[in-house]
Amino acid sequence: MKTLLFDETASETNNNFHEGFNVTVRRGTKYTKELELGEEVELRNLQGKFLGLGKVSFMFAGPIELIPTVILRYEHDPKCREVNGLIEVLQNCYHDPSIDFREIVTAIGIACEFKRGE
C-alpha cells in the first residue's frame, strides 16, 4: 500500500482530515503516474504517525489557477480552500517562495474510510 505524507508544520490547520471526501494538492504530476483511481492509500505525517486510510477518487493535474473551486472546497486544510492560502501553504511545504498560481500541481481526491490517532 502506498503512503501519502503530510507536513503538519506547513500550516496550523494541515492535519484536518475527516470521514468522507478530502482533497490534497501536491506539486508536480508525479502522483498521476504513481497512483491509480480506487487505490487504497495510507495517510501519515512526516514522522510516520498514522492519520487514516483512504481510496483515491480522482486526480486533477494542471496549474493552480485552473483548479476548480468545487475541488478546493474539499481541501483537507481549510487554509488551502482558496488559491492564495493554497499557494502560501505549498510555499511552506516545499520551502520554495517562487510557487505561484501558474505552478503545475496535482489535486488528489481521497475518500477517507476512517481516521485514527489524534
C-alpha atoms as a PDB file:
ATOM      1  CA  MET A   1       0.000   0.000   0.000  1.00  0.00           C
ATOM      2  CA  LYS A   2       1.301   3.443  -0.903  1.00  0.00           C
ATOM      3  CA  THR A   3       1.586   6.254   1.622  1.00  0.00           C
ATOM      4  CA  LEU A   4       0.802   9.951   1.253  1.00  0.00           C
ATOM      5  CA  LEU A   5       2.800  12.089   3.670  1.00  0.00           C
ATOM      6  CA  PHE A   6       1.564  15.328   5.205  1.00  0.00           C
ATOM      7  CA  ASP A   7       3.717  18.101   6.649  1.00  0.00           C
ATOM      8  CA  GLU A   8       1.843  19.212   9.746  1.00  0.00           C
ATOM      9  CA  THR A   9       4.222  22.157  10.185  1.00  0.00           C
ATOM     10  CA  ALA A  10       3.260  23.783   6.853  1.00  0.00           C
ATOM     11  CA  SER A  11       0.019  25.161   8.273  1.00  0.00           C
ATOM     12  CA  GLU A  12      -1.577  25.248  11.704  1.00  0.00           C
ATOM     13  CA  THR A  13      -4.633  23.520  10.205  1.00  0.00           C
ATOM     14  CA  ASN A  14      -2.902  20.939   7.961  1.00  0.00           C
ATOM     15  CA  ASN A  15      -3.955  17.774   9.832  1.00  0.00           C
ATOM     16  CA  ASN A  16      -7.652  18.318   9.317  1.00  0.00           C
ATOM     17  CA  PHE A  17      -8.878  15.101   7.685  1.00  0.00           C
ATOM     18  CA  HIS A  18     -12.419  13.984   8.267  1.00  0.00           C
ATOM     19  CA  GLU A  19     -14.547  10.970   7.383  1.00  0.00           C
ATOM     20  CA  GLY A  20     -15.625  11.133   3.768  1.00  0.00           C
ATOM     21  CA  PHE A  21     -14.185  13.143   0.918  1.00  0.00           C
ATOM     22  CA  ASN A  22     -10.911  15.093   1.233  1.00  0.00           C
ATOM     23  CA  VAL A  23      -8.555  16.690  -1.289  1.00  0.00           C
ATOM     24  CA  THR A  24      -4.797  17.174  -1.069  1.00  0.00           C
ATOM     25  CA  VAL A  25      -2.755  19.220  -3.554  1.00  0.00           C
ATOM     26  CA  ARG A  26       0.776  18.143  -4.438  1.00  0.00           C
ATOM     27  CA  ARG A  27       3.436  19.885  -6.509  1.00  0.00           C
ATOM     28  CA  GLY A  28       4.040  18.434  -9.972  1.00  0.00           C
ATOM     29  CA  THR A  29       2.456  15.450 -11.682  1.00  0.00           C
ATOM     30  CA  LYS A  30       4.355  12.585 -10.002  1.00  0.00           C
ATOM     31  CA  TYR A  31       1.212  11.181  -8.395  1.00  0.00           C
ATOM     32  CA  THR A  32      -0.655  10.909 -11.699  1.00  0.00           C
ATOM     33  CA  LYS A  33       1.896   8.237 -12.624  1.00  0.00           C
ATOM     34  CA  GLU A  34       2.186   6.579  -9.193  1.00  0.00           C
ATOM     35  CA  LEU A  35      -1.431   6.321  -8.040  1.00  0.00           C
ATOM     36  CA  GLU A  36      -4.416   4.558  -9.575  1.00  0.00           C
ATOM     37  CA  LEU A  37      -8.053   5.520  -9.169  1.00  0.00           C
ATOM     38  CA  GLY A  38      -9.615   3.313  -6.491  1.00  0.00           C
ATOM     39  CA  GLU A  39      -6.233   2.531  -4.946  1.00  0.00           C
ATOM     40  CA  GLU A  40      -6.131   2.422  -1.154  1.00  0.00           C
ATOM     41  CA  VAL A  41      -3.533   4.696   0.449  1.00  0.00           C
ATOM     42  CA  GLU A  42      -2.270   5.347   3.951  1.00  0.00           C
ATOM     43  CA  LEU A  43      -2.178   8.911   5.237  1.00  0.00           C
ATOM     44  CA  ARG A  44       0.749   9.667   7.570  1.00  0.00           C
ATOM     45  CA  ASN A  45       2.550  12.708   8.895  1.00  0.00           C
ATOM     46  CA  LEU A  46       6.272  13.214   8.226  1.00  0.00           C
ATOM     47  CA  GLN A  47       7.129  11.459  11.494  1.00  0.00           C
ATOM     48  CA  GLY A  48       5.215   8.370  10.350  1.00  0.00           C
ATOM     49  CA  LYS A  49       2.160   8.814  12.600  1.00  0.00           C
ATOM     50  CA  PHE A  50      -0.858   7.095  11.060  1.00  0.00           C
ATOM     51  CA  LEU A  51      -3.645   9.563  10.204  1.00  0.00           C
ATOM     52  CA  GLY A  52      -6.062   7.302   8.327  1.00  0.00           C
ATOM     53  CA  LEU A  53      -6.824   5.271   5.220  1.00  0.00           C
ATOM     54  CA  GLY A  54      -8.480   6.359   2.035  1.00  0.00           C
ATOM     55  CA  LYS A  55      -9.145   5.491  -1.584  1.00  0.00           C
ATOM     56  CA  VAL A  56      -8.053   7.666  -4.478  1.00  0.00           C
ATOM     57  CA  SER A  57     -11.239   9.046  -6.034  1.00  0.00           C
ATOM     58  CA  PHE A  58      -9.863  11.385  -8.694  1.00  0.00           C
ATOM     59  CA  MET A  59      -6.789  13.323  -9.781  1.00  0.00           C
ATOM     60  CA  PHE A  60      -6.613  16.707 -11.496  1.00  0.00           C
ATOM     61  CA  ALA A  61      -3.262  17.912 -12.860  1.00  0.00           C
ATOM     62  CA  GLY A  62      -2.670  21.450 -14.062  1.00  0.00           C
ATOM     63  CA  PRO A  63      -1.773  24.948 -12.910  1.00  0.00           C
ATOM     64  CA  ILE A  64      -3.098  26.089  -9.534  1.00  0.00           C
ATOM     65  CA  GLU A  65      -5.136  28.812 -11.227  1.00  0.00           C
ATOM     66  CA  LEU A  66      -7.188  26.168 -13.088  1.00  0.00           C
ATOM     67  CA  ILE A  67      -8.154  24.023 -10.090  1.00  0.00           C
ATOM     68  CA  PRO A  68     -11.944  24.240  -9.954  1.00  0.00           C
ATOM     69  CA  THR A  69     -13.371  25.894  -6.857  1.00  0.00           C
ATOM     70  CA  VAL A  70     -15.514  22.821  -6.216  1.00  0.00           C
ATOM     71  CA  ILE A  71     -12.316  20.764  -5.794  1.00  0.00           C
ATOM     72  CA  LEU A  72     -10.665  23.252  -3.427  1.00  0.00           C
ATOM     73  CA  ARG A  73     -13.827  23.245  -1.309  1.00  0.00           C
ATOM     74  CA  TYR A  74     -12.845  19.739  -0.112  1.00  0.00           C
ATOM     75  CA  GLU A  75      -9.150  20.500   0.609  1.00  0.00           C
ATOM     76  CA  HIS A  76      -8.300  18.851   3.934  1.00  0.00           C
ATOM     77  CA  ASP A  77      -6.532  22.030   5.119  1.00  0.00           C
ATOM     78  CA  PRO A  78      -9.110  24.837   5.414  1.00  0.00           C
ATOM     79  CA  LYS A  79      -6.367  27.376   4.677  1.00  0.00           C
ATOM     80  CA  CYS A  80      -5.977  25.803   1.208  1.00  0.00           C
ATOM     81  CA  ARG A  81      -9.606  26.170   0.201  1.00  0.00           C
ATOM     82  CA  GLU A  82      -8.778  29.377  -1.650  1.00  0.00           C
ATOM     83  CA  VAL A  83      -5.934  29.914  -4.092  1.00  0.00           C
ATOM     84  CA  ASN A  84      -3.856  32.406  -2.083  1.00  0.00           C
ATOM     85  CA  GLY A  85      -3.918  30.189   1.011  1.00  0.00           C
ATOM     86  CA  LEU A  86      -3.043  27.133  -1.073  1.00  0.00           C
ATOM     87  CA  ILE A  87      -0.054  28.923  -2.599  1.00  0.00           C
ATOM     88  CA  GLU A  88       1.175  30.034   0.830  1.00  0.00           C
ATOM     89  CA  VAL A  89       0.945  26.514   2.269  1.00  0.00           C
ATOM     90  CA  LEU A  90       2.664  24.970  -0.778  1.00  0.00           C
ATOM     91  CA  GLN A  91       5.467  27.539  -0.465  1.00  0.00           C
ATOM     92  CA  ASN A  92       5.897  26.430   3.167  1.00  0.00           C
ATOM     93  CA  CYS A  93       5.672  22.689   2.403  1.00  0.00           C
ATOM     94  CA  TYR A  94       8.196  22.810  -0.408  1.00  0.00           C
ATOM     95  CA  HIS A  95      10.326  25.631   1.057  1.00  0.00           C
ATOM     96  CA  ASP A  96      10.019  27.492  -2.234  1.00  0.00           C
ATOM     97  CA  PRO A  97       8.706  31.088  -2.307  1.00  0.00           C
ATOM     98  CA  SER A  98       8.626  31.021  -6.127  1.00  0.00           C
ATOM     99  CA  ILE A  99       5.489  28.839  -6.196  1.00  0.00           C
ATOM    100  CA  ASP A 100       2.659  30.886  -7.697  1.00  0.00           C
ATOM    101  CA  PHE A 101      -0.715  30.454  -9.438  1.00  0.00           C
ATOM    102  CA  ARG A 102       0.992  29.025 -12.571  1.00  0.00           C
ATOM    103  CA  GLU A 103       2.629  26.149 -10.663  1.00  0.00           C
ATOM    104  CA  ILE A 104       1.677  22.715 -12.033  1.00  0.00           C
ATOM    105  CA  VAL A 105       0.129  20.622  -9.271  1.00  0.00           C
ATOM    106  CA  THR A 106      -1.964  17.504  -8.806  1.00  0.00           C
ATOM    107  CA  ALA A 107      -5.148  17.669  -6.750  1.00  0.00           C
ATOM    108  CA  ILE A 108      -5.886  14.207  -5.359  1.00  0.00           C
ATOM    109  CA  GLY A 109      -9.381  13.334  -4.137  1.00  0.00           C
ATOM    110  CA  ILE A 110      -9.346  10.820  -1.297  1.00  0.00           C
ATOM    111  CA  ALA A 111     -12.388   9.077   0.165  1.00  0.00           C
ATOM    112  CA  CYS A 112     -11.334   8.576   3.788  1.00  0.00           C
ATOM    113  CA  GLU A 113     -12.723   5.445   5.348  1.00  0.00           C
ATOM    114  CA  PHE A 114     -11.735   6.332   8.891  1.00  0.00           C
ATOM    115  CA  LYS A 115      -9.361   8.444  10.925  1.00  0.00           C
ATOM    116  CA  ARG A 116      -7.228   7.339  13.840  1.00  0.00           C
ATOM    117  CA  GLY A 117      -4.609   8.829  16.065  1.00  0.00           C
ATOM    118  CA  GLU A 118      -5.418  12.322  17.196  1.00  0.00           C
END
